N, C-alpha and C. Protein backbone atom coordinates (compact mmCIF):
# COMPACT_ATOMS: atom_id res chain seq x y z
N UNK A 1 16.93 -99.30 -60.33
CA UNK A 1 15.72 -98.95 -59.64
C UNK A 1 15.95 -98.66 -58.17
N UNK A 2 17.08 -99.07 -57.73
CA UNK A 2 17.39 -98.80 -56.34
C UNK A 2 17.48 -97.33 -56.09
N UNK A 3 17.90 -96.58 -57.05
CA UNK A 3 17.98 -95.15 -56.88
C UNK A 3 16.60 -94.53 -56.87
N UNK A 4 15.68 -95.05 -57.64
CA UNK A 4 14.31 -94.52 -57.65
C UNK A 4 13.64 -94.83 -56.34
N UNK A 5 13.92 -96.02 -55.81
CA UNK A 5 13.33 -96.39 -54.53
C UNK A 5 13.91 -95.54 -53.41
N UNK A 6 15.21 -95.29 -53.45
CA UNK A 6 15.85 -94.45 -52.44
C UNK A 6 15.29 -93.04 -52.52
N UNK A 7 15.10 -92.56 -53.71
CA UNK A 7 14.54 -91.22 -53.91
C UNK A 7 13.14 -91.16 -53.34
N UNK A 8 12.36 -92.18 -53.57
CA UNK A 8 10.99 -92.24 -53.05
C UNK A 8 11.00 -92.26 -51.52
N UNK A 9 11.92 -93.08 -50.97
CA UNK A 9 12.01 -93.16 -49.50
C UNK A 9 12.44 -91.81 -48.90
N UNK A 10 13.38 -91.15 -49.57
CA UNK A 10 13.83 -89.83 -49.08
C UNK A 10 12.67 -88.82 -49.13
N UNK A 11 11.91 -88.84 -50.23
CA UNK A 11 10.76 -87.93 -50.34
C UNK A 11 9.72 -88.24 -49.27
N UNK A 12 9.46 -89.54 -49.08
CA UNK A 12 8.49 -89.93 -48.04
C UNK A 12 8.98 -89.48 -46.67
N UNK A 13 10.27 -89.66 -46.42
CA UNK A 13 10.84 -89.26 -45.14
C UNK A 13 10.76 -87.73 -44.96
N UNK A 14 11.08 -87.01 -46.05
CA UNK A 14 11.00 -85.53 -45.96
C UNK A 14 9.56 -85.08 -45.76
N UNK A 15 8.63 -85.71 -46.48
CA UNK A 15 7.20 -85.37 -46.29
C UNK A 15 6.78 -85.63 -44.86
N UNK A 16 7.21 -86.76 -44.30
CA UNK A 16 6.86 -87.09 -42.92
C UNK A 16 7.44 -86.05 -41.97
N UNK A 17 8.71 -85.67 -42.20
CA UNK A 17 9.35 -84.66 -41.35
C UNK A 17 8.62 -83.31 -41.47
N UNK A 18 8.24 -82.94 -42.68
CA UNK A 18 7.52 -81.68 -42.88
C UNK A 18 6.17 -81.71 -42.17
N UNK A 19 5.45 -82.80 -42.29
CA UNK A 19 4.15 -82.93 -41.61
C UNK A 19 4.32 -82.81 -40.10
N UNK A 20 5.37 -83.47 -39.57
CA UNK A 20 5.61 -83.40 -38.13
C UNK A 20 5.93 -81.97 -37.70
N UNK A 21 6.76 -81.28 -38.49
CA UNK A 21 7.13 -79.89 -38.14
C UNK A 21 5.92 -78.97 -38.24
N UNK A 22 5.11 -79.17 -39.28
CA UNK A 22 3.88 -78.36 -39.42
C UNK A 22 2.96 -78.61 -38.24
N UNK A 23 2.81 -79.88 -37.83
CA UNK A 23 1.98 -80.20 -36.67
C UNK A 23 2.52 -79.55 -35.40
N UNK A 24 3.85 -79.55 -35.24
CA UNK A 24 4.46 -78.91 -34.06
C UNK A 24 4.19 -77.40 -34.07
N UNK A 25 4.34 -76.78 -35.25
CA UNK A 25 4.09 -75.33 -35.34
C UNK A 25 2.64 -75.03 -35.02
N UNK A 26 1.73 -75.81 -35.58
CA UNK A 26 0.30 -75.59 -35.31
C UNK A 26 -0.02 -75.81 -33.84
N UNK A 27 0.60 -76.80 -33.26
CA UNK A 27 0.40 -77.07 -31.83
C UNK A 27 0.94 -75.91 -30.99
N UNK A 28 2.10 -75.39 -31.35
CA UNK A 28 2.68 -74.25 -30.63
C UNK A 28 1.80 -73.01 -30.77
N UNK A 29 1.30 -72.79 -31.98
CA UNK A 29 0.40 -71.64 -32.18
C UNK A 29 -0.86 -71.77 -31.33
N UNK A 30 -1.39 -73.00 -31.29
CA UNK A 30 -2.61 -73.24 -30.50
C UNK A 30 -2.34 -72.96 -29.02
N UNK A 31 -1.19 -73.41 -28.53
CA UNK A 31 -0.82 -73.16 -27.13
C UNK A 31 -0.70 -71.66 -26.85
N UNK A 32 -0.06 -70.95 -27.78
CA UNK A 32 0.11 -69.50 -27.60
C UNK A 32 -1.24 -68.78 -27.61
N UNK A 33 -2.12 -69.20 -28.52
CA UNK A 33 -3.46 -68.58 -28.56
C UNK A 33 -4.20 -68.84 -27.25
N UNK A 34 -4.04 -70.05 -26.71
CA UNK A 34 -4.69 -70.37 -25.44
C UNK A 34 -4.10 -69.53 -24.31
N UNK A 35 -2.77 -69.32 -24.35
CA UNK A 35 -2.13 -68.47 -23.33
C UNK A 35 -2.54 -67.01 -23.50
N UNK A 36 -2.75 -66.60 -24.74
CA UNK A 36 -3.09 -65.19 -25.01
C UNK A 36 -4.57 -64.91 -24.76
N UNK A 37 -5.40 -65.96 -24.70
CA UNK A 37 -6.85 -65.75 -24.53
C UNK A 37 -7.18 -64.86 -23.33
N UNK A 38 -6.61 -65.09 -22.14
CA UNK A 38 -6.94 -64.21 -21.01
C UNK A 38 -6.53 -62.75 -21.29
N UNK A 39 -5.41 -62.57 -21.96
CA UNK A 39 -4.98 -61.21 -22.29
C UNK A 39 -5.97 -60.58 -23.28
N UNK A 40 -6.36 -61.35 -24.28
CA UNK A 40 -7.33 -60.84 -25.25
C UNK A 40 -8.67 -60.53 -24.60
N UNK A 41 -9.08 -61.40 -23.69
CA UNK A 41 -10.34 -61.15 -22.96
C UNK A 41 -10.24 -59.88 -22.14
N UNK A 42 -9.10 -59.68 -21.48
CA UNK A 42 -8.89 -58.47 -20.68
C UNK A 42 -8.85 -57.23 -21.56
N UNK A 43 -8.18 -57.35 -22.72
CA UNK A 43 -8.15 -56.22 -23.66
C UNK A 43 -9.56 -55.88 -24.14
N UNK A 44 -10.37 -56.86 -24.40
CA UNK A 44 -11.75 -56.62 -24.83
C UNK A 44 -12.56 -55.95 -23.71
N UNK A 45 -12.36 -56.44 -22.47
CA UNK A 45 -13.06 -55.82 -21.33
C UNK A 45 -12.65 -54.36 -21.19
N UNK A 46 -11.36 -54.07 -21.33
CA UNK A 46 -10.88 -52.69 -21.23
C UNK A 46 -11.43 -51.83 -22.37
N UNK A 47 -11.49 -52.39 -23.57
CA UNK A 47 -12.02 -51.65 -24.72
C UNK A 47 -13.47 -51.27 -24.49
N UNK A 48 -14.26 -52.22 -23.98
CA UNK A 48 -15.68 -51.93 -23.70
C UNK A 48 -15.83 -50.87 -22.61
N UNK A 49 -15.02 -50.98 -21.56
CA UNK A 49 -15.08 -49.99 -20.46
C UNK A 49 -14.70 -48.60 -20.97
N UNK A 50 -13.65 -48.55 -21.78
CA UNK A 50 -13.22 -47.27 -22.35
C UNK A 50 -14.34 -46.67 -23.20
N UNK A 51 -14.97 -47.49 -24.00
CA UNK A 51 -16.07 -47.03 -24.86
C UNK A 51 -17.22 -46.45 -24.02
N UNK A 52 -17.56 -47.14 -22.93
CA UNK A 52 -18.63 -46.64 -22.05
C UNK A 52 -18.24 -45.30 -21.43
N UNK A 53 -16.98 -45.18 -21.01
CA UNK A 53 -16.51 -43.94 -20.38
C UNK A 53 -16.48 -42.79 -21.38
N UNK A 54 -16.03 -43.06 -22.59
CA UNK A 54 -16.00 -42.02 -23.63
C UNK A 54 -17.43 -41.56 -23.94
N UNK A 55 -18.37 -42.50 -24.03
CA UNK A 55 -19.78 -42.14 -24.26
C UNK A 55 -20.32 -41.29 -23.12
N UNK A 56 -20.00 -41.69 -21.90
CA UNK A 56 -20.47 -40.94 -20.72
C UNK A 56 -19.90 -39.52 -20.72
N UNK A 57 -18.59 -39.41 -21.02
CA UNK A 57 -17.96 -38.09 -21.09
C UNK A 57 -18.63 -37.22 -22.14
N UNK A 58 -18.94 -37.79 -23.29
CA UNK A 58 -19.61 -37.05 -24.36
C UNK A 58 -21.00 -36.58 -23.92
N UNK A 59 -21.76 -37.48 -23.28
CA UNK A 59 -23.10 -37.10 -22.81
C UNK A 59 -23.03 -35.99 -21.77
N UNK A 60 -22.06 -36.08 -20.84
CA UNK A 60 -21.92 -35.04 -19.81
C UNK A 60 -21.52 -33.71 -20.42
N UNK A 61 -20.58 -33.74 -21.36
CA UNK A 61 -20.14 -32.50 -22.01
C UNK A 61 -21.29 -31.88 -22.80
N UNK A 62 -22.07 -32.72 -23.47
CA UNK A 62 -23.22 -32.22 -24.24
C UNK A 62 -24.26 -31.63 -23.30
N UNK A 63 -24.54 -32.30 -22.20
CA UNK A 63 -25.52 -31.80 -21.24
C UNK A 63 -25.04 -30.47 -20.64
N UNK A 64 -23.76 -30.38 -20.33
CA UNK A 64 -23.22 -29.13 -19.78
C UNK A 64 -23.36 -28.00 -20.79
N UNK A 65 -23.04 -28.28 -22.03
CA UNK A 65 -23.15 -27.27 -23.09
C UNK A 65 -24.61 -26.83 -23.25
N UNK A 66 -25.53 -27.78 -23.21
CA UNK A 66 -26.95 -27.44 -23.34
C UNK A 66 -27.42 -26.60 -22.16
N UNK A 67 -26.95 -26.92 -20.94
CA UNK A 67 -27.31 -26.11 -19.77
C UNK A 67 -26.80 -24.69 -19.91
N UNK A 68 -25.55 -24.55 -20.37
CA UNK A 68 -24.99 -23.21 -20.54
C UNK A 68 -25.77 -22.43 -21.59
N UNK A 69 -26.11 -23.08 -22.69
CA UNK A 69 -26.89 -22.42 -23.74
C UNK A 69 -28.27 -22.02 -23.20
N UNK A 70 -28.87 -22.90 -22.41
CA UNK A 70 -30.18 -22.61 -21.82
C UNK A 70 -30.08 -21.40 -20.89
N UNK A 71 -29.03 -21.38 -20.06
CA UNK A 71 -28.86 -20.25 -19.15
C UNK A 71 -28.63 -18.95 -19.92
N UNK A 72 -27.88 -19.02 -20.99
CA UNK A 72 -27.65 -17.83 -21.81
C UNK A 72 -28.97 -17.38 -22.45
N UNK A 73 -29.78 -18.34 -22.89
CA UNK A 73 -31.07 -18.01 -23.49
C UNK A 73 -32.00 -17.37 -22.47
N UNK A 74 -32.02 -17.93 -21.26
CA UNK A 74 -32.86 -17.37 -20.20
C UNK A 74 -32.40 -15.95 -19.87
N UNK A 75 -31.08 -15.76 -19.76
CA UNK A 75 -30.55 -14.42 -19.46
C UNK A 75 -30.93 -13.44 -20.55
N UNK A 76 -30.81 -13.86 -21.81
CA UNK A 76 -31.16 -12.98 -22.94
C UNK A 76 -32.66 -12.68 -22.91
N UNK A 77 -33.47 -13.67 -22.57
CA UNK A 77 -34.92 -13.46 -22.47
C UNK A 77 -35.24 -12.45 -21.38
N UNK A 78 -34.57 -12.56 -20.25
CA UNK A 78 -34.78 -11.61 -19.15
C UNK A 78 -34.42 -10.20 -19.61
N UNK A 79 -33.29 -10.07 -20.30
CA UNK A 79 -32.86 -8.76 -20.80
C UNK A 79 -33.89 -8.20 -21.80
N UNK A 80 -34.38 -9.05 -22.70
CA UNK A 80 -35.35 -8.60 -23.69
C UNK A 80 -36.68 -8.20 -23.04
N UNK A 81 -37.10 -8.97 -22.02
CA UNK A 81 -38.32 -8.61 -21.30
C UNK A 81 -38.16 -7.27 -20.60
N UNK A 82 -36.99 -7.04 -20.02
CA UNK A 82 -36.71 -5.77 -19.36
C UNK A 82 -36.76 -4.62 -20.38
N UNK A 83 -36.13 -4.84 -21.54
CA UNK A 83 -36.17 -3.82 -22.59
C UNK A 83 -37.59 -3.58 -23.07
N UNK A 84 -38.38 -4.64 -23.18
CA UNK A 84 -39.77 -4.50 -23.61
C UNK A 84 -40.57 -3.68 -22.60
N UNK A 85 -40.41 -3.97 -21.31
CA UNK A 85 -41.11 -3.20 -20.28
C UNK A 85 -40.69 -1.73 -20.32
N UNK A 86 -39.39 -1.52 -20.51
CA UNK A 86 -38.88 -0.15 -20.59
C UNK A 86 -39.50 0.56 -21.80
N UNK A 87 -39.57 -0.12 -22.94
CA UNK A 87 -40.16 0.48 -24.14
C UNK A 87 -41.65 0.74 -23.95
N UNK A 88 -42.34 -0.19 -23.29
CA UNK A 88 -43.77 0.02 -23.03
C UNK A 88 -43.97 1.21 -22.10
N UNK A 89 -43.13 1.33 -21.09
CA UNK A 89 -43.22 2.47 -20.17
C UNK A 89 -42.96 3.77 -20.92
N UNK A 90 -41.96 3.76 -21.79
CA UNK A 90 -41.66 4.94 -22.60
C UNK A 90 -42.83 5.28 -23.52
N UNK A 91 -43.46 4.23 -24.09
CA UNK A 91 -44.63 4.46 -24.95
C UNK A 91 -45.78 5.10 -24.17
N UNK A 92 -46.00 4.63 -22.93
CA UNK A 92 -47.06 5.21 -22.09
C UNK A 92 -46.74 6.68 -21.82
N UNK A 93 -45.49 6.95 -21.47
CA UNK A 93 -45.09 8.33 -21.19
C UNK A 93 -45.25 9.22 -22.43
N UNK A 94 -44.81 8.69 -23.58
CA UNK A 94 -44.95 9.47 -24.81
C UNK A 94 -46.42 9.68 -25.18
N UNK A 95 -47.25 8.65 -24.94
CA UNK A 95 -48.69 8.79 -25.23
C UNK A 95 -49.31 9.86 -24.33
N UNK A 96 -48.92 9.86 -23.05
CA UNK A 96 -49.42 10.88 -22.14
C UNK A 96 -48.96 12.27 -22.59
N UNK A 97 -47.71 12.37 -22.98
CA UNK A 97 -47.19 13.64 -23.45
C UNK A 97 -47.93 14.09 -24.71
N UNK A 98 -48.19 13.15 -25.62
CA UNK A 98 -48.92 13.45 -26.85
C UNK A 98 -50.35 13.88 -26.53
N UNK A 99 -50.99 13.19 -25.59
CA UNK A 99 -52.35 13.57 -25.20
C UNK A 99 -52.37 14.98 -24.61
N UNK A 100 -51.39 15.29 -23.76
CA UNK A 100 -51.33 16.64 -23.18
C UNK A 100 -51.10 17.68 -24.26
N UNK A 101 -50.22 17.36 -25.22
CA UNK A 101 -49.95 18.30 -26.30
C UNK A 101 -51.21 18.50 -27.15
N UNK A 102 -51.95 17.42 -27.36
CA UNK A 102 -53.19 17.54 -28.14
C UNK A 102 -54.21 18.39 -27.41
N UNK A 103 -54.34 18.19 -26.09
CA UNK A 103 -55.27 19.01 -25.30
C UNK A 103 -54.85 20.48 -25.35
N UNK A 104 -53.55 20.71 -25.17
CA UNK A 104 -53.04 22.07 -25.20
C UNK A 104 -53.29 22.70 -26.57
N UNK A 105 -53.08 21.91 -27.61
CA UNK A 105 -53.31 22.38 -28.97
C UNK A 105 -54.78 22.73 -29.18
N UNK A 106 -55.68 21.90 -28.66
CA UNK A 106 -57.12 22.18 -28.80
C UNK A 106 -57.48 23.46 -28.06
N UNK A 107 -56.93 23.62 -26.86
CA UNK A 107 -57.25 24.82 -26.11
C UNK A 107 -56.69 26.07 -26.81
N UNK A 108 -55.49 25.91 -27.42
CA UNK A 108 -54.94 27.03 -28.18
C UNK A 108 -55.80 27.34 -29.40
N UNK A 109 -56.28 26.29 -30.06
CA UNK A 109 -57.16 26.51 -31.23
C UNK A 109 -58.45 27.22 -30.81
N UNK A 110 -58.98 26.83 -29.65
CA UNK A 110 -60.20 27.50 -29.15
C UNK A 110 -59.92 28.97 -28.84
N UNK A 111 -58.78 29.23 -28.20
CA UNK A 111 -58.42 30.61 -27.88
C UNK A 111 -58.21 31.42 -29.16
N UNK A 112 -57.54 30.80 -30.13
CA UNK A 112 -57.33 31.49 -31.42
C UNK A 112 -58.66 31.78 -32.07
N UNK A 113 -59.58 30.81 -32.03
CA UNK A 113 -60.90 31.01 -32.63
C UNK A 113 -61.63 32.14 -31.89
N UNK A 114 -61.54 32.14 -30.54
CA UNK A 114 -62.19 33.20 -29.78
C UNK A 114 -61.60 34.56 -30.13
N UNK A 115 -60.26 34.60 -30.19
CA UNK A 115 -59.60 35.86 -30.53
C UNK A 115 -59.96 36.31 -31.94
N UNK A 116 -60.03 35.32 -32.87
CA UNK A 116 -60.44 35.67 -34.24
C UNK A 116 -61.87 36.23 -34.24
N UNK A 117 -62.72 35.61 -33.44
CA UNK A 117 -64.11 36.12 -33.34
C UNK A 117 -64.12 37.53 -32.76
N UNK A 118 -63.32 37.77 -31.72
CA UNK A 118 -63.26 39.10 -31.11
C UNK A 118 -62.71 40.12 -32.10
N UNK A 119 -61.64 39.70 -32.82
CA UNK A 119 -61.06 40.60 -33.81
C UNK A 119 -62.09 40.89 -34.89
N UNK A 120 -62.77 39.84 -35.33
CA UNK A 120 -63.79 40.02 -36.38
C UNK A 120 -64.92 40.92 -35.86
N UNK A 121 -65.32 40.69 -34.62
CA UNK A 121 -66.40 41.50 -34.04
C UNK A 121 -65.95 42.95 -33.87
N UNK A 122 -64.71 43.12 -33.45
CA UNK A 122 -64.20 44.48 -33.26
C UNK A 122 -64.07 45.19 -34.60
N UNK A 123 -63.59 44.49 -35.61
CA UNK A 123 -63.45 45.15 -36.90
C UNK A 123 -64.81 45.39 -37.52
N UNK A 124 -65.77 44.55 -37.23
CA UNK A 124 -67.12 44.78 -37.75
C UNK A 124 -67.73 45.97 -37.01
N UNK A 125 -67.41 46.11 -35.73
CA UNK A 125 -67.93 47.22 -34.96
C UNK A 125 -67.40 48.54 -35.48
N UNK A 126 -66.19 48.52 -35.92
CA UNK A 126 -65.64 49.76 -36.45
C UNK A 126 -66.15 50.00 -37.85
N UNK A 127 -66.41 48.92 -38.62
CA UNK A 127 -66.83 49.07 -40.01
C UNK A 127 -68.35 48.93 -40.15
N UNK A 128 -69.02 48.62 -39.10
CA UNK A 128 -70.46 48.43 -39.12
C UNK A 128 -70.85 47.32 -40.11
N UNK A 129 -70.33 46.07 -39.84
CA UNK A 129 -70.56 44.90 -40.69
C UNK A 129 -71.92 44.33 -40.40
N UNK A 130 -72.77 44.44 -41.42
CA UNK A 130 -74.08 43.85 -41.28
C UNK A 130 -74.41 43.00 -42.41
């Protein structure tokens, strides 16, 4: 039984040594985490600052793009308004030209009617149309 007791004592001793080593490792890890805490805090602060800056850059780029699009839209609107005024002016000119042509056409029709009447009267005078 002495061998069983020695075996038990060796196992107890090894268990005690393992527990002590595990405690030392856990203690060392805890110390390292405590030492790393300021670094982790600084990394978190930097991450948040970077995130804010990236958001700001995105908002500024978006605003710039919207301003450029707005300016392009305004410029296009100005061009279209100019074209519209030009087309309206052309329409007025064409309407005036059409009105003049219509007046001229009416006067020509009246002259043709008068000439037709004269021709008819002259031919009746020669033929004695009664």
